[in-house]
Amino acid sequence: MRNRTHRPPGVITVTGRPKEYGCLVHSWVRWINVSTGRTGASLTSSGLNGIPAEARLHTGAGRVALIVDPRPGTMLTPGLATIDVR
């Protein structure tokens, strides 16, 4: 039996924290896989009703740099991270 929560290799999920003020309502998450040169962007989900906003990224394996780029008018600070994706 396969574990349904298992993600395929090279896929990550960026999510807001549950039960905290200020969700990532429709923010862009832009990324680059610096190991392969592959790039992409995804819009986060709405993050309403106690469910944290999230974006699923199909980056492939390697070192990934990403930025959360909130839409204008939101009360969020952009964020930056690097992640080793397997």
N, C-alpha and C. Protein backbone atom coordinates (compact mmCIF):
# COMPACT_ATOMS: atom_id res chain seq x y z
N MET A 1 0.84 -1.17 0.00
CA MET A 1 0.00 0.00 0.00
C MET A 1 0.89 1.24 0.00
N ARG A 2 0.59 2.16 -0.87
CA ARG A 2 1.40 3.37 -0.99
C ARG A 2 0.92 4.46 -0.04
N ASN A 3 1.85 5.15 0.56
CA ASN A 3 1.53 6.26 1.45
C ASN A 3 1.01 7.42 0.62
N ARG A 4 -0.22 7.83 0.83
CA ARG A 4 -0.84 8.88 0.03
C ARG A 4 -0.26 10.27 0.30
N THR A 5 0.42 10.45 1.43
CA THR A 5 1.01 11.75 1.73
C THR A 5 2.39 11.91 1.11
N HIS A 6 2.93 10.84 0.54
CA HIS A 6 4.25 10.89 -0.08
C HIS A 6 4.20 11.72 -1.37
N ARG A 7 5.15 12.63 -1.51
CA ARG A 7 5.24 13.43 -2.73
C ARG A 7 6.27 12.82 -3.66
N PRO A 8 6.05 12.96 -4.94
CA PRO A 8 7.05 12.46 -5.88
C PRO A 8 8.35 13.25 -5.76
N PRO A 9 9.47 12.67 -6.17
CA PRO A 9 10.74 13.41 -6.11
C PRO A 9 10.66 14.71 -6.91
N GLY A 10 11.32 15.73 -6.41
CA GLY A 10 11.40 17.00 -7.12
C GLY A 10 10.17 17.89 -6.98
N VAL A 11 9.31 17.59 -6.00
CA VAL A 11 8.11 18.40 -5.77
C VAL A 11 8.14 18.90 -4.33
N ILE A 12 7.92 20.21 -4.14
CA ILE A 12 7.85 20.77 -2.79
C ILE A 12 6.57 21.58 -2.66
N THR A 13 6.14 21.76 -1.42
CA THR A 13 4.97 22.58 -1.14
C THR A 13 5.38 23.71 -0.22
N VAL A 14 5.08 24.93 -0.63
CA VAL A 14 5.33 26.12 0.19
C VAL A 14 3.99 26.48 0.80
N THR A 15 3.96 26.67 2.11
CA THR A 15 2.69 26.91 2.79
C THR A 15 2.84 27.98 3.86
N GLY A 16 1.73 28.66 4.13
CA GLY A 16 1.67 29.59 5.25
C GLY A 16 1.48 28.81 6.54
N ARG A 17 1.61 29.46 7.66
CA ARG A 17 1.41 28.79 8.94
C ARG A 17 -0.06 28.83 9.32
N PRO A 18 -0.60 27.71 9.76
CA PRO A 18 -2.01 27.70 10.15
C PRO A 18 -2.25 28.49 11.43
N LYS A 19 -3.45 29.00 11.57
CA LYS A 19 -3.91 29.70 12.78
C LYS A 19 -3.10 30.94 13.12
N GLU A 20 -2.55 31.59 12.11
CA GLU A 20 -1.85 32.85 12.36
C GLU A 20 -2.46 33.92 11.48
N TYR A 21 -2.46 35.14 11.99
CA TYR A 21 -3.01 36.25 11.22
C TYR A 21 -2.15 36.49 9.98
N GLY A 22 -2.77 36.78 8.89
CA GLY A 22 -2.05 37.12 7.68
C GLY A 22 -1.70 35.91 6.85
N CYS A 23 -2.62 35.50 5.99
CA CYS A 23 -2.33 34.37 5.12
C CYS A 23 -1.69 34.90 3.83
N LEU A 24 -1.16 34.00 3.04
CA LEU A 24 -0.49 34.39 1.80
C LEU A 24 -1.48 34.41 0.64
N VAL A 25 -2.58 35.12 0.80
CA VAL A 25 -3.63 35.09 -0.20
C VAL A 25 -3.08 35.49 -1.57
N HIS A 26 -3.07 34.54 -2.45
CA HIS A 26 -2.69 34.75 -3.84
C HIS A 26 -1.37 35.50 -4.01
N SER A 27 -0.34 35.04 -3.34
CA SER A 27 1.01 35.56 -3.55
C SER A 27 1.72 34.71 -4.58
N TRP A 28 2.61 35.31 -5.32
CA TRP A 28 3.43 34.54 -6.27
C TRP A 28 4.60 33.90 -5.54
N VAL A 29 4.89 32.66 -5.87
CA VAL A 29 6.09 31.99 -5.41
C VAL A 29 6.90 31.72 -6.66
N ARG A 30 8.02 32.43 -6.81
CA ARG A 30 8.88 32.28 -7.99
C ARG A 30 10.12 31.50 -7.57
N TRP A 31 10.60 30.61 -8.45
CA TRP A 31 11.72 29.76 -8.08
C TRP A 31 12.66 29.54 -9.26
N ILE A 32 13.91 29.19 -8.89
CA ILE A 32 14.90 28.75 -9.86
C ILE A 32 15.64 27.57 -9.24
N ASN A 33 15.79 26.52 -10.02
CA ASN A 33 16.60 25.38 -9.61
C ASN A 33 18.01 25.71 -10.10
N VAL A 34 18.88 26.12 -9.19
CA VAL A 34 20.22 26.56 -9.59
C VAL A 34 21.10 25.39 -10.02
N SER A 35 20.68 24.16 -9.75
CA SER A 35 21.42 22.99 -10.20
C SER A 35 21.14 22.67 -11.67
N THR A 36 19.91 22.97 -12.12
CA THR A 36 19.51 22.62 -13.49
C THR A 36 19.22 23.83 -14.38
N GLY A 37 18.99 24.99 -13.77
CA GLY A 37 18.62 26.18 -14.53
C GLY A 37 17.13 26.31 -14.78
N ARG A 38 16.36 25.33 -14.37
CA ARG A 38 14.92 25.35 -14.58
C ARG A 38 14.28 26.40 -13.68
N THR A 39 13.26 27.12 -14.19
CA THR A 39 12.58 28.16 -13.42
C THR A 39 11.07 27.96 -13.49
N GLY A 40 10.36 28.64 -12.61
CA GLY A 40 8.92 28.58 -12.64
C GLY A 40 8.31 29.52 -11.61
N ALA A 41 6.99 29.57 -11.62
CA ALA A 41 6.25 30.39 -10.68
C ALA A 41 4.89 29.75 -10.45
N SER A 42 4.34 29.99 -9.27
CA SER A 42 3.03 29.46 -8.94
C SER A 42 2.33 30.46 -8.04
N LEU A 43 1.03 30.55 -8.16
CA LEU A 43 0.23 31.41 -7.31
C LEU A 43 -0.29 30.56 -6.15
N THR A 44 -0.20 31.10 -4.93
CA THR A 44 -0.69 30.34 -3.78
C THR A 44 -2.21 30.25 -3.81
N SER A 45 -2.71 29.24 -3.12
CA SER A 45 -4.16 29.10 -2.95
C SER A 45 -4.67 30.20 -2.03
N SER A 46 -5.97 30.24 -1.81
CA SER A 46 -6.58 31.36 -1.08
C SER A 46 -6.25 31.38 0.41
N GLY A 47 -6.05 30.24 1.04
CA GLY A 47 -5.71 30.23 2.46
C GLY A 47 -6.83 30.69 3.36
N LEU A 48 -8.05 30.31 3.06
CA LEU A 48 -9.19 30.75 3.85
C LEU A 48 -9.72 29.63 4.75
N ASN A 49 -10.57 30.01 5.71
CA ASN A 49 -11.26 29.07 6.60
C ASN A 49 -10.30 28.18 7.39
N GLY A 50 -9.20 28.73 7.86
CA GLY A 50 -8.27 27.97 8.68
C GLY A 50 -7.34 27.05 7.92
N ILE A 51 -7.44 27.01 6.59
CA ILE A 51 -6.55 26.19 5.77
C ILE A 51 -5.43 27.10 5.26
N PRO A 52 -4.18 26.80 5.56
CA PRO A 52 -3.10 27.69 5.14
C PRO A 52 -2.98 27.75 3.62
N ALA A 53 -2.63 28.92 3.13
CA ALA A 53 -2.36 29.08 1.71
C ALA A 53 -1.16 28.22 1.34
N GLU A 54 -1.15 27.70 0.11
CA GLU A 54 -0.02 26.88 -0.31
C GLU A 54 0.15 26.93 -1.81
N ALA A 55 1.36 26.59 -2.23
CA ALA A 55 1.69 26.44 -3.65
C ALA A 55 2.53 25.19 -3.79
N ARG A 56 2.18 24.33 -4.71
CA ARG A 56 2.96 23.12 -4.99
C ARG A 56 3.87 23.43 -6.17
N LEU A 57 5.18 23.19 -5.98
CA LEU A 57 6.19 23.52 -6.98
C LEU A 57 6.84 22.25 -7.51
N HIS A 58 6.86 22.11 -8.81
CA HIS A 58 7.50 20.96 -9.47
C HIS A 58 8.87 21.43 -9.97
N THR A 59 9.82 21.49 -9.05
CA THR A 59 11.13 22.08 -9.32
C THR A 59 12.15 21.10 -9.89
N GLY A 60 11.94 19.82 -9.65
CA GLY A 60 12.97 18.84 -9.95
C GLY A 60 13.97 18.82 -8.81
N ALA A 61 14.82 17.82 -8.80
CA ALA A 61 15.81 17.69 -7.73
C ALA A 61 16.94 18.70 -7.91
N GLY A 62 17.51 19.16 -6.79
CA GLY A 62 18.64 20.08 -6.82
C GLY A 62 18.45 21.21 -5.82
N ARG A 63 19.36 22.18 -5.84
CA ARG A 63 19.28 23.36 -4.97
C ARG A 63 18.31 24.35 -5.60
N VAL A 64 17.29 24.74 -4.84
CA VAL A 64 16.25 25.63 -5.34
C VAL A 64 16.24 26.91 -4.51
N ALA A 65 16.24 28.04 -5.20
CA ALA A 65 16.06 29.34 -4.55
C ALA A 65 14.65 29.81 -4.88
N LEU A 66 13.94 30.32 -3.87
CA LEU A 66 12.59 30.80 -4.14
C LEU A 66 12.33 32.10 -3.41
N ILE A 67 11.39 32.86 -3.94
CA ILE A 67 10.95 34.10 -3.32
C ILE A 67 9.44 34.11 -3.29
N VAL A 68 8.89 34.52 -2.15
CA VAL A 68 7.45 34.75 -2.05
C VAL A 68 7.26 36.24 -2.33
N ASP A 69 6.50 36.53 -3.36
CA ASP A 69 6.31 37.89 -3.87
C ASP A 69 4.85 38.27 -3.70
N PRO A 70 4.49 38.92 -2.57
CA PRO A 70 3.09 39.23 -2.32
C PRO A 70 2.54 40.26 -3.31
N ARG A 71 1.27 40.14 -3.56
CA ARG A 71 0.61 41.10 -4.45
C ARG A 71 0.62 42.48 -3.83
N PRO A 72 0.64 43.52 -4.66
CA PRO A 72 0.59 44.89 -4.13
C PRO A 72 -0.66 45.10 -3.28
N GLY A 73 -0.53 45.84 -2.21
CA GLY A 73 -1.64 46.14 -1.34
C GLY A 73 -1.81 45.16 -0.19
N THR A 74 -1.04 44.06 -0.19
CA THR A 74 -1.12 43.13 0.92
C THR A 74 -0.14 43.55 2.01
N MET A 75 -0.38 43.10 3.21
CA MET A 75 0.47 43.46 4.34
C MET A 75 1.46 42.35 4.62
N LEU A 76 2.24 41.96 3.62
CA LEU A 76 3.22 40.89 3.76
C LEU A 76 4.58 41.37 3.32
N THR A 77 5.60 40.83 3.93
CA THR A 77 6.97 41.10 3.53
C THR A 77 7.43 39.98 2.61
N PRO A 78 8.05 40.31 1.48
CA PRO A 78 8.55 39.24 0.60
C PRO A 78 9.53 38.35 1.37
N GLY A 79 9.58 37.09 0.99
CA GLY A 79 10.48 36.14 1.64
C GLY A 79 11.36 35.46 0.64
N LEU A 80 12.54 35.03 1.07
CA LEU A 80 13.51 34.37 0.23
C LEU A 80 14.05 33.16 0.96
N ALA A 81 14.25 32.05 0.23
CA ALA A 81 14.80 30.84 0.85
C ALA A 81 15.55 30.03 -0.20
N THR A 82 16.48 29.20 0.27
CA THR A 82 17.08 28.18 -0.58
C THR A 82 16.82 26.84 0.06
N ILE A 83 16.55 25.84 -0.79
CA ILE A 83 16.14 24.54 -0.32
C ILE A 83 16.82 23.47 -1.17
N ASP A 84 17.29 22.41 -0.54
CA ASP A 84 17.79 21.25 -1.28
C ASP A 84 16.62 20.30 -1.48
N VAL A 85 16.23 20.12 -2.73
CA VAL A 85 15.09 19.26 -3.07
C VAL A 85 15.60 17.92 -3.54
N ARG A 86 15.01 16.86 -3.04
CA ARG A 86 15.39 15.51 -3.44
C ARG A 86 14.35 14.91 -4.33
